[in-house]
Amino acid sequence: MSLTIKICGLSTPETLDAALAAGADMVGFVFFEKSPRCISLEAARALGSRTGATAMKVALTVDADDATLAAIIAELKPQLLQLHGSETPERVFDVRTRFGLPVMKAVGLTLKEDLAAIAPYEAVADWLLLDAKPAPDAASPGGNGEPFDWSLLRGLEIAKPWLLAGGLHPDNVATAIGITGAPGVDVSSGVESLAGVKDIAKIRAFIANARQVTEGLGSLRQSG
């Protein structure tokens, strides 16, 4: 069982280097002004060029217009656009078609009824991100450090690749993967010492703990 690991909200060369060295499959950069992880286009250019080819660059936006997306793409040169706002399935399709890049759509979950929102995006997005639905008064639609009931995803079949997000950190990522069977995980605030400040030791621990789960499952299959 392979696992996709995304470290999101990176904003410094040192933490980006740490994520890459630890084996992150995706590195995310936030372009949402209300987030403490938001970076400038100038920073995006520098970090994007530093990433190299070892991991996929992901640009996270929230209800961004076409001009904003075009500017971000020009500087970061991402391989994946993450739409983390209230974008409709029609908007997801339009962005994917207009810019010719794969799109990941975040879907917020709290209750079993929220699972119905997955299918319309499954039809138009290349990736899905299943995240905790933010509180009504939350300043940001993601990176709030709150998990949802992971058992909602037990046995759920999704045709597109997807990542589990929301409240993950080094100490619970193994449990989350075990409950959900997630093929990928995404972390932001869970590897920080302060809001927006990534912790290199936590990045390394998160990736190591997540990898141990899937490596263990692979060993069990081989021995069986």
C-alpha atoms as a PDB file:
ATOM      1  CA  MET A   1       0.000   0.000   0.000  1.00  0.00           C
ATOM      2  CA  SER A   2       1.535   3.276  -1.099  1.00  0.00           C
ATOM      3  CA  LEU A   3       0.685   6.460   0.747  1.00  0.00           C
ATOM      4  CA  THR A   4       0.660  10.051  -0.478  1.00  0.00           C
ATOM      5  CA  ILE A   5       1.858  12.512   2.159  1.00  0.00           C
ATOM      6  CA  LYS A   6       1.291  16.241   1.763  1.00  0.00           C
ATOM      7  CA  ILE A   7       2.845  18.870   3.997  1.00  0.00           C
ATOM      8  CA  CYS A   8       0.855  22.069   3.522  1.00  0.00           C
ATOM      9  CA  GLY A   9       1.399  25.698   4.463  1.00  0.00           C
ATOM     10  CA  LEU A  10       5.165  25.722   3.957  1.00  0.00           C
ATOM     11  CA  SER A  11       6.650  29.207   3.902  1.00  0.00           C
ATOM     12  CA  THR A  12      10.403  29.029   4.512  1.00  0.00           C
ATOM     13  CA  PRO A  13      13.320  27.380   2.678  1.00  0.00           C
ATOM     14  CA  GLU A  14      14.326  25.470   5.817  1.00  0.00           C
ATOM     15  CA  THR A  15      10.949  23.828   6.398  1.00  0.00           C
ATOM     16  CA  LEU A  16      10.484  23.108   2.697  1.00  0.00           C
ATOM     17  CA  ASP A  17      13.890  21.413   2.612  1.00  0.00           C
ATOM     18  CA  ALA A  18      12.965  19.385   5.700  1.00  0.00           C
ATOM     19  CA  ALA A  19       9.701  18.193   4.153  1.00  0.00           C
ATOM     20  CA  LEU A  20      11.442  17.194   0.943  1.00  0.00           C
ATOM     21  CA  ALA A  21      14.284  15.435   2.756  1.00  0.00           C
ATOM     22  CA  ALA A  22      11.810  13.503   4.912  1.00  0.00           C
ATOM     23  CA  GLY A  23      10.027  12.216   1.825  1.00  0.00           C
ATOM     24  CA  ALA A  24       6.910  14.343   1.352  1.00  0.00           C
ATOM     25  CA  ASP A  25       5.093  13.514  -1.893  1.00  0.00           C
ATOM     26  CA  MET A  26       3.348  16.885  -2.077  1.00  0.00           C
ATOM     27  CA  VAL A  27       4.289  20.292  -0.691  1.00  0.00           C
ATOM     28  CA  GLY A  28       1.546  22.891  -0.353  1.00  0.00           C
ATOM     29  CA  PHE A  29       1.783  26.673  -0.505  1.00  0.00           C
ATOM     30  CA  VAL A  30      -1.088  28.850   0.723  1.00  0.00           C
ATOM     31  CA  PHE A  31      -2.410  31.891  -1.125  1.00  0.00           C
ATOM     32  CA  PHE A  32      -5.180  33.038   1.186  1.00  0.00           C
ATOM     33  CA  GLU A  33      -4.618  36.376   2.909  1.00  0.00           C
ATOM     34  CA  LYS A  34      -6.460  35.472   6.117  1.00  0.00           C
ATOM     35  CA  SER A  35      -4.201  32.481   6.738  1.00  0.00           C
ATOM     36  CA  PRO A  36      -1.019  32.818   8.854  1.00  0.00           C
ATOM     37  CA  ARG A  37       0.584  30.553   6.240  1.00  0.00           C
ATOM     38  CA  CYS A  38      -0.089  32.838   3.295  1.00  0.00           C
ATOM     39  CA  ILE A  39       2.955  33.584   1.141  1.00  0.00           C
ATOM     40  CA  SER A  40       3.629  36.314  -1.410  1.00  0.00           C
ATOM     41  CA  LEU A  41       4.113  35.735  -5.110  1.00  0.00           C
ATOM     42  CA  GLU A  42       7.780  36.617  -4.652  1.00  0.00           C
ATOM     43  CA  ALA A  43       8.150  33.931  -1.990  1.00  0.00           C
ATOM     44  CA  ALA A  44       6.260  31.498  -4.206  1.00  0.00           C
ATOM     45  CA  ARG A  45       8.762  32.035  -6.982  1.00  0.00           C
ATOM     46  CA  ALA A  46      11.715  31.326  -4.684  1.00  0.00           C
ATOM     47  CA  LEU A  47      10.158  28.334  -2.943  1.00  0.00           C
ATOM     48  CA  GLY A  48       8.838  26.903  -6.179  1.00  0.00           C
ATOM     49  CA  SER A  49      12.241  26.952  -7.812  1.00  0.00           C
ATOM     50  CA  ARG A  50      13.733  25.332  -4.703  1.00  0.00           C
ATOM     51  CA  THR A  51      11.339  22.400  -4.711  1.00  0.00           C
ATOM     52  CA  GLY A  52      12.844  20.564  -7.651  1.00  0.00           C
ATOM     53  CA  ALA A  53      11.245  17.426  -9.001  1.00  0.00           C
ATOM     54  CA  THR A  54      11.093  15.279  -5.877  1.00  0.00           C
ATOM     55  CA  ALA A  55       7.604  16.388  -4.803  1.00  0.00           C
ATOM     56  CA  MET A  56       4.479  17.812  -6.389  1.00  0.00           C
ATOM     57  CA  LYS A  57       3.937  21.535  -5.847  1.00  0.00           C
ATOM     58  CA  VAL A  58       0.400  22.396  -4.769  1.00  0.00           C
ATOM     59  CA  ALA A  59      -1.107  25.892  -4.797  1.00  0.00           C
ATOM     60  CA  LEU A  60      -3.903  26.310  -2.237  1.00  0.00           C
ATOM     61  CA  THR A  61      -6.442  29.047  -2.949  1.00  0.00           C
ATOM     62  CA  VAL A  62      -9.847  29.980  -1.558  1.00  0.00           C
ATOM     63  CA  ASP A  63     -12.452  31.186  -4.052  1.00  0.00           C
ATOM     64  CA  ALA A  64      -9.722  32.813  -6.160  1.00  0.00           C
ATOM     65  CA  ASP A  65     -10.593  34.516  -9.438  1.00  0.00           C
ATOM     66  CA  ASP A  66      -8.908  33.682 -12.736  1.00  0.00           C
ATOM     67  CA  ALA A  67      -6.462  36.597 -12.565  1.00  0.00           C
ATOM     68  CA  THR A  68      -5.256  35.520  -9.137  1.00  0.00           C
ATOM     69  CA  LEU A  69      -4.866  31.921 -10.233  1.00  0.00           C
ATOM     70  CA  ALA A  70      -2.959  32.964 -13.346  1.00  0.00           C
ATOM     71  CA  ALA A  71      -0.517  35.048 -11.279  1.00  0.00           C
ATOM     72  CA  ILE A  72       0.086  32.201  -8.832  1.00  0.00           C
ATOM     73  CA  ILE A  73       0.639  29.693 -11.619  1.00  0.00           C
ATOM     74  CA  ALA A  74       3.117  32.000 -13.340  1.00  0.00           C
ATOM     75  CA  GLU A  75       5.277  32.317 -10.211  1.00  0.00           C
ATOM     76  CA  LEU A  76       4.964  28.954  -8.432  1.00  0.00           C
ATOM     77  CA  LYS A  77       4.489  26.732 -11.499  1.00  0.00           C
ATOM     78  CA  PRO A  78       2.428  24.218  -9.510  1.00  0.00           C
ATOM     79  CA  GLN A  79       1.518  20.724 -10.682  1.00  0.00           C
ATOM     80  CA  LEU A  80      -1.775  20.795  -8.779  1.00  0.00           C
ATOM     81  CA  LEU A  81      -4.323  23.473  -7.870  1.00  0.00           C
ATOM     82  CA  GLN A  82      -6.079  22.990  -4.516  1.00  0.00           C
ATOM     83  CA  LEU A  83      -9.437  24.748  -4.301  1.00  0.00           C
ATOM     84  CA  HIS A  84     -10.306  25.086  -0.637  1.00  0.00           C
ATOM     85  CA  GLY A  85     -13.249  27.474  -0.684  1.00  0.00           C
ATOM     86  CA  SER A  86     -16.897  27.265  -1.685  1.00  0.00           C
ATOM     87  CA  GLU A  87     -16.122  26.569  -5.339  1.00  0.00           C
ATOM     88  CA  THR A  88     -18.966  24.752  -7.083  1.00  0.00           C
ATOM     89  CA  PRO A  89     -18.422  21.651  -9.235  1.00  0.00           C
ATOM     90  CA  GLU A  90     -18.934  23.923 -12.238  1.00  0.00           C
ATOM     91  CA  ARG A  91     -16.141  26.226 -11.042  1.00  0.00           C
ATOM     92  CA  VAL A  92     -13.826  23.261 -10.476  1.00  0.00           C
ATOM     93  CA  PHE A  93     -14.455  22.082 -14.023  1.00  0.00           C
ATOM     94  CA  ASP A  94     -13.894  25.580 -15.382  1.00  0.00           C
ATOM     95  CA  VAL A  95     -10.578  26.031 -13.534  1.00  0.00           C
ATOM     96  CA  ARG A  96      -9.329  22.648 -14.659  1.00  0.00           C
ATOM     97  CA  THR A  97     -10.277  23.356 -18.268  1.00  0.00           C
ATOM     98  CA  ARG A  98      -9.064  26.959 -18.366  1.00  0.00           C
ATOM     99  CA  PHE A  99      -5.635  26.377 -16.837  1.00  0.00           C
ATOM    100  CA  GLY A 100      -4.937  22.837 -17.984  1.00  0.00           C
ATOM    101  CA  LEU A 101      -3.790  21.686 -14.540  1.00  0.00           C
ATOM    102  CA  PRO A 102      -5.117  18.929 -12.289  1.00  0.00           C
ATOM    103  CA  VAL A 103      -7.391  20.182  -9.517  1.00  0.00           C
ATOM    104  CA  MET A 104      -7.873  19.004  -5.946  1.00  0.00           C
ATOM    105  CA  LYS A 105     -11.135  20.041  -4.289  1.00  0.00           C
ATOM    106  CA  ALA A 106     -11.546  20.196  -0.536  1.00  0.00           C
ATOM    107  CA  VAL A 107     -14.816  18.883   0.876  1.00  0.00           C
ATOM    108  CA  GLY A 108     -15.706  19.679   4.493  1.00  0.00           C
ATOM    109  CA  LEU A 109     -17.228  16.931   6.617  1.00  0.00           C
ATOM    110  CA  THR A 110     -18.897  16.869  10.009  1.00  0.00           C
ATOM    111  CA  LEU A 111     -21.914  14.591   9.732  1.00  0.00           C
ATOM    112  CA  LYS A 112     -22.799  11.534   7.680  1.00  0.00           C
ATOM    113  CA  GLU A 113     -25.079  13.729   5.575  1.00  0.00           C
ATOM    114  CA  ASP A 114     -22.041  15.710   4.420  1.00  0.00           C
ATOM    115  CA  LEU A 115     -20.764  12.698   2.480  1.00  0.00           C
ATOM    116  CA  ALA A 116     -23.327  13.478  -0.222  1.00  0.00           C
ATOM    117  CA  ALA A 117     -21.209  16.484  -1.208  1.00  0.00           C
ATOM    118  CA  ILE A 118     -18.373  14.239  -2.365  1.00  0.00           C
ATOM    119  CA  ALA A 119     -19.945  12.759  -5.518  1.00  0.00           C
ATOM    120  CA  PRO A 120     -20.470  16.006  -7.492  1.00  0.00           C
ATOM    121  CA  TYR A 121     -16.801  16.925  -7.018  1.00  0.00           C
ATOM    122  CA  GLU A 122     -15.637  13.371  -7.638  1.00  0.00           C
ATOM    123  CA  ALA A 123     -17.010  13.761 -11.160  1.00  0.00           C
ATOM    124  CA  VAL A 124     -14.947  16.869 -12.018  1.00  0.00           C
ATOM    125  CA  ALA A 125     -11.844  16.972  -9.777  1.00  0.00           C
ATOM    126  CA  ASP A 126      -8.643  14.962 -10.170  1.00  0.00           C
ATOM    127  CA  TRP A 127      -8.108  14.703  -6.409  1.00  0.00           C
ATOM    128  CA  LEU A 128     -10.302  15.160  -3.351  1.00  0.00           C
ATOM    129  CA  LEU A 129      -9.300  16.441   0.076  1.00  0.00           C
ATOM    130  CA  LEU A 130     -11.635  15.311   2.842  1.00  0.00           C
ATOM    131  CA  ASP A 131     -11.265  17.836   5.624  1.00  0.00           C
ATOM    132  CA  ALA A 132     -13.039  18.851   8.803  1.00  0.00           C
ATOM    133  CA  LYS A 133     -15.773  21.364   8.117  1.00  0.00           C
ATOM    134  CA  PRO A 134     -14.700  24.655   9.750  1.00  0.00           C
ATOM    135  CA  ALA A 135     -16.730  26.254  12.505  1.00  0.00           C
ATOM    136  CA  PRO A 136     -19.041  29.072  11.341  1.00  0.00           C
ATOM    137  CA  ASP A 137     -16.790  31.678  12.957  1.00  0.00           C
ATOM    138  CA  ALA A 138     -13.486  30.212  11.709  1.00  0.00           C
ATOM    139  CA  ALA A 139     -11.214  32.665   9.892  1.00  0.00           C
ATOM    140  CA  SER A 140      -9.888  29.984   7.574  1.00  0.00           C
ATOM    141  CA  PRO A 141     -11.584  27.064   5.782  1.00  0.00           C
ATOM    142  CA  GLY A 142      -8.629  24.799   6.644  1.00  0.00           C
ATOM    143  CA  GLY A 143      -5.604  24.507   8.883  1.00  0.00           C
ATOM    144  CA  ASN A 144      -7.710  24.876  12.016  1.00  0.00           C
ATOM    145  CA  GLY A 145      -6.386  21.750  13.694  1.00  0.00           C
ATOM    146  CA  GLU A 146      -9.788  20.135  14.196  1.00  0.00           C
ATOM    147  CA  PRO A 147     -10.522  16.521  13.195  1.00  0.00           C
ATOM    148  CA  PHE A 148     -13.894  15.110  12.209  1.00  0.00           C
ATOM    149  CA  ASP A 149     -15.355  11.679  12.944  1.00  0.00           C
ATOM    150  CA  TRP A 150     -13.025   9.483  10.905  1.00  0.00           C
ATOM    151  CA  SER A 151     -15.387   6.528  11.171  1.00  0.00           C
ATOM    152  CA  LEU A 152     -17.609   8.298   8.634  1.00  0.00           C
ATOM    153  CA  LEU A 153     -15.106   7.256   5.966  1.00  0.00           C
ATOM    154  CA  ARG A 154     -14.826   3.604   6.964  1.00  0.00           C
ATOM    155  CA  GLY A 155     -15.619   1.482   3.912  1.00  0.00           C
ATOM    156  CA  LEU A 156     -16.248   4.530   1.718  1.00  0.00           C
ATOM    157  CA  GLU A 157     -15.343   3.954  -1.928  1.00  0.00           C
ATOM    158  CA  ILE A 158     -14.076   6.958  -3.892  1.00  0.00           C
ATOM    159  CA  ALA A 159     -13.027   6.598  -7.510  1.00  0.00           C
ATOM    160  CA  LYS A 160     -10.551   9.487  -7.433  1.00  0.00           C
ATOM    161  CA  PRO A 161      -7.390   9.660  -5.320  1.00  0.00           C
ATOM    162  CA  TRP A 162      -7.983  11.481  -2.045  1.00  0.00           C
ATOM    163  CA  LEU A 163      -6.243  12.798   1.032  1.00  0.00           C
ATOM    164  CA  LEU A 164      -7.448  12.873   4.626  1.00  0.00           C
ATOM    165  CA  ALA A 165      -7.012  16.201   6.434  1.00  0.00           C
ATOM    166  CA  GLY A 166      -8.202  17.960   9.553  1.00  0.00           C
ATOM    167  CA  GLY A 167      -6.581  17.756  12.952  1.00  0.00           C
ATOM    168  CA  LEU A 168      -3.849  15.321  11.966  1.00  0.00           C
ATOM    169  CA  HIS A 169      -0.516  15.372  13.808  1.00  0.00           C
ATOM    170  CA  PRO A 170       2.403  12.968  14.397  1.00  0.00           C
ATOM    171  CA  ASP A 171       0.685  11.203  17.310  1.00  0.00           C
ATOM    172  CA  ASN A 172      -2.639  10.434  15.622  1.00  0.00           C
ATOM    173  CA  VAL A 173      -1.838   9.988  11.926  1.00  0.00           C
ATOM    174  CA  ALA A 174      -1.345   6.223  12.278  1.00  0.00           C
ATOM    175  CA  THR A 175      -4.725   5.850  13.975  1.00  0.00           C
ATOM    176  CA  ALA A 176      -6.403   8.001  11.331  1.00  0.00           C
ATOM    177  CA  ILE A 177      -5.010   5.906   8.493  1.00  0.00           C
ATOM    178  CA  GLY A 178      -6.031   2.718  10.253  1.00  0.00           C
ATOM    179  CA  ILE A 179      -9.630   3.855  10.732  1.00  0.00           C
ATOM    180  CA  THR A 180     -10.203   5.426   7.321  1.00  0.00           C
ATOM    181  CA  GLY A 181      -7.932   3.434   5.042  1.00  0.00           C
ATOM    182  CA  ALA A 182      -6.945   6.783   3.549  1.00  0.00           C
ATOM    183  CA  PRO A 183      -4.592   6.531   0.551  1.00  0.00           C
ATOM    184  CA  GLY A 184      -3.084   9.871   1.500  1.00  0.00           C
ATOM    185  CA  VAL A 185      -2.826  12.385   4.349  1.00  0.00           C
ATOM    186  CA  ASP A 186      -2.452  16.152   4.490  1.00  0.00           C
ATOM    187  CA  VAL A 187      -1.142  18.108   7.469  1.00  0.00           C
ATOM    188  CA  SER A 188      -0.596  21.781   8.185  1.00  0.00           C
ATOM    189  CA  SER A 189      -1.197  23.061  11.717  1.00  0.00           C
ATOM    190  CA  GLY A 190      -0.401  19.632  13.144  1.00  0.00           C
ATOM    191  CA  VAL A 191       3.298  20.085  12.372  1.00  0.00           C
ATOM    192  CA  GLU A 192       3.598  23.612  13.755  1.00  0.00           C
ATOM    193  CA  SER A 193       4.990  25.062  16.971  1.00  0.00           C
ATOM    194  CA  LEU A 194       2.931  28.241  16.505  1.00  0.00           C
ATOM    195  CA  ALA A 195       0.247  29.169  13.988  1.00  0.00           C
ATOM    196  CA  GLY A 196       1.998  29.403  10.646  1.00  0.00           C
ATOM    197  CA  VAL A 197       5.390  28.342  12.042  1.00  0.00           C
ATOM    198  CA  LYS A 198       6.362  24.864  10.881  1.00  0.00           C
ATOM    199  CA  ASP A 199       8.345  22.617  13.240  1.00  0.00           C
ATOM    200  CA  ILE A 200      11.000  20.556  11.451  1.00  0.00           C
ATOM    201  CA  ALA A 201      11.010  17.801  14.073  1.00  0.00           C
ATOM    202  CA  LYS A 202       7.227  17.440  13.805  1.00  0.00           C
ATOM    203  CA  ILE A 203       7.386  17.304  10.000  1.00  0.00           C
ATOM    204  CA  ARG A 204       9.888  14.461  10.193  1.00  0.00           C
ATOM    205  CA  ALA A 205       7.890  12.618  12.850  1.00  0.00           C
ATOM    206  CA  PHE A 206       4.620  12.964  10.946  1.00  0.00           C
ATOM    207  CA  ILE A 207       6.067  11.519   7.749  1.00  0.00           C
ATOM    208  CA  ALA A 208       7.900   8.740   9.581  1.00  0.00           C
ATOM    209  CA  ASN A 209       4.829   7.694  11.579  1.00  0.00           C
ATOM    210  CA  ALA A 210       2.596   7.712   8.516  1.00  0.00           C
ATOM    211  CA  ARG A 211       5.072   5.658   6.496  1.00  0.00           C
ATOM    212  CA  GLN A 212       5.416   3.070   9.261  1.00  0.00           C
ATOM    213  CA  VAL A 213       1.707   2.274   9.041  1.00  0.00           C
ATOM    214  CA  THR A 214       1.725   1.520   5.324  1.00  0.00           C
ATOM    215  CA  GLU A 215       5.060  -0.295   5.462  1.00  0.00           C
ATOM    216  CA  GLY A 216       3.643  -2.465   8.216  1.00  0.00           C
ATOM    217  CA  LEU A 217       0.570  -3.295   6.141  1.00  0.00           C
ATOM    218  CA  GLY A 218       2.807  -4.208   3.220  1.00  0.00           C
ATOM    219  CA  SER A 219       4.848  -6.557   5.419  1.00  0.00           C
ATOM    220  CA  LEU A 220       1.681  -8.247   6.666  1.00  0.00           C
ATOM    221  CA  ARG A 221       0.487  -8.851   3.096  1.00  0.00           C
ATOM    222  CA  GLN A 222       3.847 -10.331   2.092  1.00  0.00           C
ATOM    223  CA  SER A 223       3.990 -12.634   5.100  1.00  0.00           C
ATOM    224  CA  GLY A 224       0.411 -13.736   4.555  1.00  0.00           C
END
